[in-house]
N, C-alpha and C. Protein backbone atom coordinates (compact mmCIF):
# COMPACT_ATOMS: atom_id res chain seq x y z
N MET A 1 -18.30 14.36 -7.77
CA MET A 1 -18.02 14.90 -6.48
C MET A 1 -16.76 13.96 -6.03
N TYR A 2 -16.72 12.75 -6.15
CA TYR A 2 -15.53 11.92 -5.74
C TYR A 2 -14.23 12.33 -6.53
N LYS A 3 -14.50 12.74 -7.78
CA LYS A 3 -13.36 13.13 -8.65
C LYS A 3 -12.83 14.48 -8.07
N LYS A 4 -13.68 15.34 -7.54
CA LYS A 4 -13.14 16.68 -7.09
C LYS A 4 -12.47 16.24 -5.70
N MET A 5 -13.08 15.41 -4.74
CA MET A 5 -12.61 15.21 -3.73
C MET A 5 -11.18 14.31 -3.61
N ALA A 6 -11.09 13.50 -4.54
CA ALA A 6 -9.67 12.87 -4.89
C ALA A 6 -8.70 13.92 -5.39
N CYS A 7 -9.08 14.78 -6.28
CA CYS A 7 -8.13 15.82 -6.65
C CYS A 7 -7.47 16.81 -5.64
N CYS A 8 -8.64 17.10 -4.58
CA CYS A 8 -8.28 17.82 -3.36
C CYS A 8 -7.41 17.06 -2.66
N LEU A 9 -7.59 15.80 -2.43
CA LEU A 9 -6.74 15.07 -1.40
C LEU A 9 -5.43 14.78 -2.10
N VAL A 10 -5.29 14.80 -3.40
CA VAL A 10 -3.78 14.37 -3.87
C VAL A 10 -3.06 15.76 -3.74
N LEU A 11 -3.89 17.01 -4.30
CA LEU A 11 -3.23 18.34 -3.95
C LEU A 11 -2.81 18.44 -2.56
N PHE A 12 -3.58 18.27 -1.58
CA PHE A 12 -3.30 18.38 -0.15
C PHE A 12 -2.24 17.55 0.25
N PHE A 13 -2.01 16.15 -0.20
CA PHE A 13 -0.95 15.44 0.24
C PHE A 13 0.32 15.80 -0.48
N SER A 14 0.34 16.27 -1.82
CA SER A 14 1.44 16.57 -2.57
C SER A 14 1.85 17.88 -2.00
N MET A 15 1.13 18.66 -1.40
CA MET A 15 1.65 19.99 -0.76
C MET A 15 2.37 19.69 0.53
N PHE A 16 1.55 18.80 1.34
CA PHE A 16 1.72 18.84 2.73
C PHE A 16 2.56 17.41 3.29
N GLY A 17 2.35 16.46 2.15
CA GLY A 17 2.97 15.09 2.63
C GLY A 17 2.01 14.59 3.82
N CYS A 18 2.55 13.28 4.22
CA CYS A 18 1.76 12.63 5.23
C CYS A 18 2.37 13.03 6.52
N GLY A 19 3.77 13.29 6.73
CA GLY A 19 4.33 13.31 7.98
C GLY A 19 3.97 12.33 8.81
N ASN A 20 3.97 12.63 10.23
CA ASN A 20 3.72 11.51 11.07
C ASN A 20 2.18 11.48 11.38
N ILE A 21 1.52 10.81 10.65
CA ILE A 21 -0.11 10.72 10.78
C ILE A 21 -0.25 9.71 11.94
N GLU A 22 -1.25 10.06 12.86
CA GLU A 22 -1.63 9.19 13.87
C GLU A 22 -2.42 8.12 13.12
N ILE A 23 -2.31 6.88 13.43
CA ILE A 23 -3.22 5.78 12.86
C ILE A 23 -4.14 5.51 13.91
N ASP A 24 -5.44 5.60 13.52
CA ASP A 24 -6.50 5.24 14.21
C ASP A 24 -6.77 3.67 14.18
N GLU A 25 -6.65 3.12 15.34
CA GLU A 25 -6.51 1.59 15.32
C GLU A 25 -7.70 1.03 14.74
N ASP A 26 -9.00 1.59 15.16
CA ASP A 26 -10.06 0.95 14.69
C ASP A 26 -10.33 0.98 13.08
N GLU A 27 -9.85 2.22 12.70
CA GLU A 27 -9.99 2.41 11.12
C GLU A 27 -8.92 1.33 10.38
N TYR A 28 -7.87 1.38 11.08
CA TYR A 28 -6.82 0.55 10.52
C TYR A 28 -7.12 -0.95 10.53
N GLU A 29 -7.72 -1.47 11.59
CA GLU A 29 -8.21 -2.83 11.72
C GLU A 29 -9.34 -3.25 10.68
N ALA A 30 -10.38 -2.13 10.43
CA ALA A 30 -11.30 -2.42 9.58
C ALA A 30 -10.84 -2.21 8.07
N ASN A 31 -9.83 -1.67 7.76
CA ASN A 31 -9.28 -1.50 6.40
C ASN A 31 -8.31 -2.83 6.06
N ASN A 32 -7.82 -3.26 7.13
CA ASN A 32 -6.71 -4.14 6.82
C ASN A 32 -6.99 -5.63 7.16
N THR A 33 -8.19 -5.89 7.87
CA THR A 33 -8.48 -7.28 8.39
C THR A 33 -8.35 -8.37 7.45
N ASP A 34 -8.76 -8.31 6.30
CA ASP A 34 -9.06 -9.31 5.46
C ASP A 34 -7.74 -9.96 5.03
N TYR A 35 -6.93 -8.91 4.63
CA TYR A 35 -5.69 -9.44 3.94
C TYR A 35 -4.69 -10.29 4.76
N TYR A 36 -4.74 -10.05 6.17
CA TYR A 36 -3.74 -10.90 6.97
C TYR A 36 -4.43 -11.84 7.74
N TYR A 37 -5.50 -11.56 8.20
CA TYR A 37 -6.42 -12.75 8.94
C TYR A 37 -6.72 -13.94 7.96
N GLU A 38 -7.00 -13.71 6.74
CA GLU A 38 -7.50 -14.78 6.00
C GLU A 38 -6.49 -15.69 5.71
N THR A 39 -5.11 -15.27 5.85
CA THR A 39 -3.95 -16.45 5.57
C THR A 39 -3.60 -17.02 6.98
N GLY A 40 -3.95 -16.39 8.09
CA GLY A 40 -3.62 -16.91 9.42
C GLY A 40 -2.19 -17.04 9.43
N ASN A 41 -1.38 -16.21 9.06
CA ASN A 41 0.12 -16.20 9.10
C ASN A 41 0.62 -15.08 10.10
N GLN A 42 1.37 -15.74 11.07
CA GLN A 42 1.71 -14.82 12.18
C GLN A 42 2.63 -13.63 11.80
N PHE A 43 3.51 -14.08 10.76
CA PHE A 43 4.44 -12.94 10.27
C PHE A 43 3.68 -11.92 9.79
N ILE A 44 2.57 -12.23 8.95
CA ILE A 44 1.88 -10.97 8.58
C ILE A 44 1.00 -10.11 9.58
N PHE A 45 0.54 -10.66 10.50
CA PHE A 45 -0.05 -10.13 11.67
C PHE A 45 1.16 -9.26 12.45
N ASP A 46 2.25 -9.88 12.57
CA ASP A 46 3.30 -9.26 13.42
C ASP A 46 3.77 -8.08 12.55
N GLY A 47 3.76 -8.21 11.18
CA GLY A 47 4.34 -7.13 10.34
C GLY A 47 3.30 -5.89 10.49
N HIS A 48 2.21 -5.97 10.52
CA HIS A 48 1.13 -4.99 10.61
C HIS A 48 1.06 -4.28 11.93
N GLN A 49 1.21 -5.23 12.82
CA GLN A 49 1.38 -4.57 14.36
C GLN A 49 2.73 -3.53 14.48
N LYS A 50 3.84 -4.11 13.64
CA LYS A 50 5.07 -3.25 13.80
C LYS A 50 4.90 -2.03 13.06
N ILE A 51 3.98 -1.92 11.92
CA ILE A 51 3.83 -0.87 11.16
C ILE A 51 2.99 0.14 12.11
N LYS A 52 1.88 -0.39 12.74
CA LYS A 52 1.13 0.43 13.74
C LYS A 52 2.14 1.16 14.77
N ALA A 53 3.13 0.34 15.27
CA ALA A 53 4.06 0.99 16.12
C ALA A 53 5.02 1.69 15.63
N GLY A 54 5.23 1.76 14.50
CA GLY A 54 6.16 2.58 13.71
C GLY A 54 7.47 1.92 13.54
N ASP A 55 7.44 0.68 13.83
CA ASP A 55 8.76 -0.13 13.57
C ASP A 55 8.66 -0.68 11.99
N TYR A 56 8.97 0.19 11.13
CA TYR A 56 9.03 -0.16 9.79
C TYR A 56 10.12 -1.19 9.25
N LEU A 57 11.25 -1.12 9.84
CA LEU A 57 12.22 -2.12 9.50
C LEU A 57 11.75 -3.60 9.92
N GLY A 58 11.39 -3.47 11.10
CA GLY A 58 10.76 -4.62 11.78
C GLY A 58 9.69 -5.15 10.90
N ALA A 59 8.85 -4.58 10.45
CA ALA A 59 7.66 -5.02 9.72
C ALA A 59 8.34 -5.54 8.15
N VAL A 60 9.18 -4.73 7.72
CA VAL A 60 9.87 -5.39 6.53
C VAL A 60 10.59 -6.81 6.74
N LYS A 61 11.13 -6.85 7.88
CA LYS A 61 11.65 -8.33 8.05
C LYS A 61 10.55 -9.36 8.24
N ASP A 62 9.22 -8.94 8.99
CA ASP A 62 8.30 -9.92 9.00
C ASP A 62 7.77 -10.27 7.82
N PHE A 63 7.59 -9.30 6.95
CA PHE A 63 6.80 -9.55 5.67
C PHE A 63 7.91 -10.32 4.73
N THR A 64 9.02 -10.18 4.88
CA THR A 64 10.01 -11.20 4.25
C THR A 64 9.78 -12.38 4.68
N LYS A 65 9.91 -12.69 6.08
CA LYS A 65 9.59 -14.17 6.52
C LYS A 65 8.41 -14.55 6.15
N ALA A 66 7.27 -13.89 5.96
CA ALA A 66 6.15 -14.48 5.53
C ALA A 66 6.14 -14.85 3.88
N MET A 67 7.02 -14.24 3.26
CA MET A 67 7.27 -14.45 1.76
C MET A 67 7.80 -16.03 1.76
N ASP A 68 8.48 -16.33 2.72
CA ASP A 68 9.05 -17.82 2.75
C ASP A 68 7.88 -18.77 2.84
N GLU A 69 6.84 -18.42 3.56
CA GLU A 69 5.78 -19.42 3.74
C GLU A 69 4.89 -19.34 2.61
N LEU A 70 4.51 -18.13 2.43
CA LEU A 70 3.42 -17.77 1.22
C LEU A 70 4.06 -17.08 -0.18
N PRO A 71 4.96 -17.68 -0.86
CA PRO A 71 5.59 -17.29 -1.85
C PRO A 71 4.76 -16.64 -3.09
N GLY A 72 3.50 -17.05 -3.17
CA GLY A 72 2.90 -16.48 -4.13
C GLY A 72 1.66 -15.42 -3.83
N TYR A 73 1.67 -14.94 -2.81
CA TYR A 73 0.67 -14.06 -2.12
C TYR A 73 1.29 -12.57 -2.35
N ALA A 74 0.61 -12.13 -3.52
CA ALA A 74 1.12 -10.80 -4.07
C ALA A 74 0.91 -9.56 -3.07
N TYR A 75 0.00 -9.76 -2.03
CA TYR A 75 -0.20 -8.52 -1.06
C TYR A 75 1.06 -8.49 -0.17
N LEU A 76 1.68 -9.61 0.11
CA LEU A 76 2.89 -9.38 0.82
C LEU A 76 3.89 -8.33 0.31
N TYR A 77 4.16 -8.39 -1.11
CA TYR A 77 4.96 -7.28 -1.61
C TYR A 77 4.45 -5.93 -1.64
N GLY A 78 3.02 -5.94 -1.51
CA GLY A 78 2.37 -4.57 -1.30
C GLY A 78 2.62 -4.23 0.33
N PHE A 79 2.49 -5.12 1.18
CA PHE A 79 2.64 -4.65 2.49
C PHE A 79 4.05 -4.39 2.69
N ARG A 80 5.13 -4.97 2.23
CA ARG A 80 6.38 -4.83 2.39
C ARG A 80 7.03 -3.47 1.75
N ALA A 81 6.17 -3.20 0.74
CA ALA A 81 6.28 -1.92 -0.22
C ALA A 81 6.12 -0.69 0.82
N TRP A 82 4.87 -0.87 1.59
CA TRP A 82 4.24 0.20 2.42
C TRP A 82 5.24 0.33 3.64
N ALA A 83 5.89 -0.64 4.06
CA ALA A 83 6.80 -0.74 5.28
C ALA A 83 8.03 0.30 4.58
N LYS A 84 8.40 -0.17 3.49
CA LYS A 84 9.73 0.39 2.94
C LYS A 84 9.49 1.80 2.60
N GLN A 85 8.25 2.30 2.03
CA GLN A 85 7.95 3.54 1.93
C GLN A 85 7.92 4.46 3.18
N GLU A 86 7.42 3.87 4.18
CA GLU A 86 7.32 4.53 5.46
C GLU A 86 8.86 4.68 5.98
N SER A 87 9.74 3.87 5.71
CA SER A 87 11.05 3.97 6.17
C SER A 87 11.91 4.81 5.08
N LYS A 88 11.29 5.42 4.11
CA LYS A 88 11.81 6.30 2.97
C LYS A 88 12.74 5.36 2.04
N ASP A 89 12.51 4.21 2.02
CA ASP A 89 13.27 3.30 0.99
C ASP A 89 12.30 3.30 -0.27
N TYR A 90 12.40 4.43 -0.96
CA TYR A 90 11.40 4.47 -2.09
C TYR A 90 11.88 3.53 -3.12
N GLU A 91 12.81 3.39 -3.34
CA GLU A 91 13.56 2.46 -4.57
C GLU A 91 13.06 0.96 -4.17
N GLY A 92 13.17 0.52 -3.08
CA GLY A 92 12.83 -0.61 -2.44
C GLY A 92 11.26 -0.94 -2.48
N ALA A 93 10.58 0.21 -2.18
CA ALA A 93 9.09 0.25 -2.08
C ALA A 93 8.69 0.03 -3.77
N LEU A 94 9.15 0.67 -4.51
CA LEU A 94 8.75 0.54 -5.73
C LEU A 94 8.99 -0.69 -6.47
N ALA A 95 10.24 -1.37 -6.01
CA ALA A 95 10.49 -2.71 -6.47
C ALA A 95 9.53 -3.58 -6.05
N ASP A 96 9.12 -3.62 -4.75
CA ASP A 96 8.06 -4.41 -4.16
C ASP A 96 6.70 -4.23 -4.78
N ILE A 97 6.28 -3.10 -4.94
CA ILE A 97 4.95 -2.86 -5.54
C ILE A 97 4.87 -3.23 -6.88
N ASN A 98 5.97 -3.01 -7.78
CA ASN A 98 5.77 -3.41 -9.02
C ASN A 98 5.79 -4.95 -9.06
N LYS A 99 6.30 -5.73 -8.10
CA LYS A 99 6.40 -7.10 -8.18
C LYS A 99 4.90 -7.46 -7.94
N ALA A 100 4.36 -6.84 -6.92
CA ALA A 100 2.94 -7.05 -6.59
C ALA A 100 2.03 -7.21 -7.87
N ILE A 101 2.26 -5.98 -8.59
CA ILE A 101 1.34 -5.72 -9.81
C ILE A 101 1.79 -6.58 -10.77
N GLU A 102 3.10 -7.06 -10.87
CA GLU A 102 3.32 -8.03 -11.84
C GLU A 102 2.66 -9.42 -11.58
N MET A 103 2.48 -9.74 -10.28
CA MET A 103 1.96 -10.92 -9.87
C MET A 103 0.46 -10.98 -10.01
N GLN A 104 -0.12 -9.90 -9.67
CA GLN A 104 -1.70 -9.78 -9.88
C GLN A 104 -2.07 -8.24 -10.08
N SER A 105 -2.21 -8.13 -11.29
CA SER A 105 -2.42 -6.65 -11.88
C SER A 105 -3.88 -6.19 -11.81
N ASP A 106 -4.80 -6.94 -11.23
CA ASP A 106 -6.11 -6.37 -11.12
C ASP A 106 -6.57 -5.99 -9.95
N ILE A 107 -5.58 -5.81 -9.01
CA ILE A 107 -5.95 -5.30 -7.70
C ILE A 107 -5.61 -3.74 -7.47
N ALA A 108 -6.88 -2.99 -7.36
CA ALA A 108 -6.61 -1.65 -7.18
C ALA A 108 -5.70 -0.99 -6.16
N ASP A 109 -5.68 -1.78 -5.03
CA ASP A 109 -4.89 -1.18 -3.85
C ASP A 109 -3.35 -1.12 -4.37
N PHE A 110 -2.91 -2.12 -5.19
CA PHE A 110 -1.57 -1.97 -5.37
C PHE A 110 -1.32 -0.68 -6.19
N TYR A 111 -1.99 -0.45 -7.18
CA TYR A 111 -1.79 1.07 -8.03
C TYR A 111 -1.99 2.12 -7.14
N LYS A 112 -2.71 2.12 -6.25
CA LYS A 112 -3.18 3.33 -5.14
C LYS A 112 -1.76 3.39 -4.34
N TRP A 113 -1.40 2.20 -3.68
CA TRP A 113 -0.09 2.24 -2.97
C TRP A 113 0.98 2.78 -3.97
N ARG A 114 1.03 2.38 -5.15
CA ARG A 114 2.11 2.79 -5.98
C ARG A 114 2.14 4.39 -6.19
N ALA A 115 0.92 4.79 -6.34
CA ALA A 115 0.71 6.05 -6.64
C ALA A 115 1.06 6.94 -5.50
N GLU A 116 0.85 6.50 -4.15
CA GLU A 116 1.41 7.17 -3.04
C GLU A 116 2.92 7.25 -2.80
N ILE A 117 3.62 6.21 -3.55
CA ILE A 117 4.97 6.18 -3.55
C ILE A 117 5.22 7.15 -4.42
N TYR A 118 4.82 7.25 -5.73
CA TYR A 118 5.20 8.19 -6.73
C TYR A 118 4.77 9.70 -6.10
N ARG A 119 3.95 9.90 -5.33
CA ARG A 119 3.60 11.12 -4.71
C ARG A 119 4.96 11.55 -3.91
N ASP A 120 5.30 10.57 -2.91
CA ASP A 120 6.19 10.88 -2.17
C ASP A 120 7.60 11.37 -2.89
N ILE A 121 7.73 10.83 -3.98
CA ILE A 121 9.07 11.01 -4.81
C ILE A 121 8.91 12.11 -5.85
N GLY A 122 7.70 12.85 -5.74
CA GLY A 122 7.48 13.77 -6.76
C GLY A 122 7.30 13.53 -8.43
N GLN A 123 6.85 12.20 -8.51
CA GLN A 123 6.37 11.82 -9.65
C GLN A 123 5.08 11.94 -10.00
N ASP A 124 4.63 13.26 -10.20
CA ASP A 124 3.10 13.43 -10.19
C ASP A 124 2.37 12.84 -11.35
N ASP A 125 2.95 12.97 -12.60
CA ASP A 125 2.54 12.23 -13.86
C ASP A 125 2.26 10.73 -13.61
N LEU A 126 3.21 10.12 -13.06
CA LEU A 126 3.14 8.57 -12.93
C LEU A 126 1.90 8.38 -11.56
N MET A 127 1.87 9.32 -10.85
CA MET A 127 0.91 9.20 -9.68
C MET A 127 -0.27 9.30 -10.29
N GLU A 128 -0.59 10.29 -11.15
CA GLU A 128 -1.81 10.57 -11.81
C GLU A 128 -2.25 9.30 -12.75
N GLU A 129 -1.46 8.62 -13.33
CA GLU A 129 -1.76 7.53 -14.11
C GLU A 129 -2.12 6.33 -13.26
N ASP A 130 -1.52 6.22 -12.16
CA ASP A 130 -1.92 5.10 -11.22
C ASP A 130 -3.23 5.33 -10.70
N PHE A 131 -3.63 6.70 -10.19
CA PHE A 131 -4.84 6.84 -9.72
C PHE A 131 -6.07 6.73 -10.78
N LYS A 132 -5.75 7.09 -11.97
CA LYS A 132 -6.63 6.77 -12.98
C LYS A 132 -6.85 5.16 -13.08
N LYS A 133 -5.78 4.36 -13.00
CA LYS A 133 -5.78 2.99 -12.99
C LYS A 133 -6.72 2.61 -11.79
N VAL A 134 -6.71 3.10 -10.79
CA VAL A 134 -7.45 2.54 -9.68
C VAL A 134 -8.84 2.77 -9.87
N ARG A 135 -9.16 4.15 -10.37
CA ARG A 135 -10.55 4.31 -10.81
C ARG A 135 -11.11 3.38 -11.75
N GLU A 136 -10.39 3.04 -12.86
CA GLU A 136 -10.78 2.11 -13.68
C GLU A 136 -11.12 0.79 -13.20
N LEU A 137 -10.33 0.18 -12.36
CA LEU A 137 -10.29 -1.03 -11.86
C LEU A 137 -11.40 -1.13 -10.98
N LYS A 138 -11.74 -0.12 -9.93
CA LYS A 138 -13.06 -0.24 -9.18
C LYS A 138 -14.12 -0.03 -9.87
N LYS A 139 -14.24 0.95 -10.88
CA LYS A 139 -15.37 0.73 -11.75
C LYS A 139 -15.73 -0.54 -12.31
N TYR A 140 -14.76 -1.26 -12.86
CA TYR A 140 -14.84 -2.59 -13.53
C TYR A 140 -15.50 -3.38 -12.44
N GLN A 141 -14.72 -3.46 -11.27
CA GLN A 141 -15.18 -4.32 -10.38
C GLN A 141 -16.62 -4.13 -9.70
N GLN A 142 -17.16 -2.83 -9.88
CA GLN A 142 -18.38 -2.52 -9.33
C GLN A 142 -19.43 -3.23 -10.37
N GLN A 143 -19.14 -3.32 -11.56
CA GLN A 143 -19.90 -3.85 -12.44
C GLN A 143 -20.26 -5.49 -12.40
N TYR A 144 -19.36 -5.97 -11.63
CA TYR A 144 -19.44 -7.63 -11.46
C TYR A 144 -19.66 -8.00 -10.06
């Protein structure tokens, strides 16, 4: 069932894109709390607030500042990739998400986020490869 739902979602988003999607604040908080609150870094918090407000370039700046304080935190590259993707800087987004994967290759979110970038630039084969990797990682993580 999940496979069918995932395929339908991929097809939907590849046909219609994301456009200006309204962000449900409660859902956003529930899905993103652990990543920035666990570090206690104000720049990460500010970057997420700017993404919610649609200030993607401001978010890029905040995540870059956070990297000075937390240089080994791979999620920062993922967050910055997300902000760059939203601002249509796909080359920069791919560079950042690839760096996140290079730093920590066992994080399913990174492959999911990269698949979404590939979707946006029409690289469907690469998108499908990354979604396959997401499923593999999640299946492996569920075993332990």
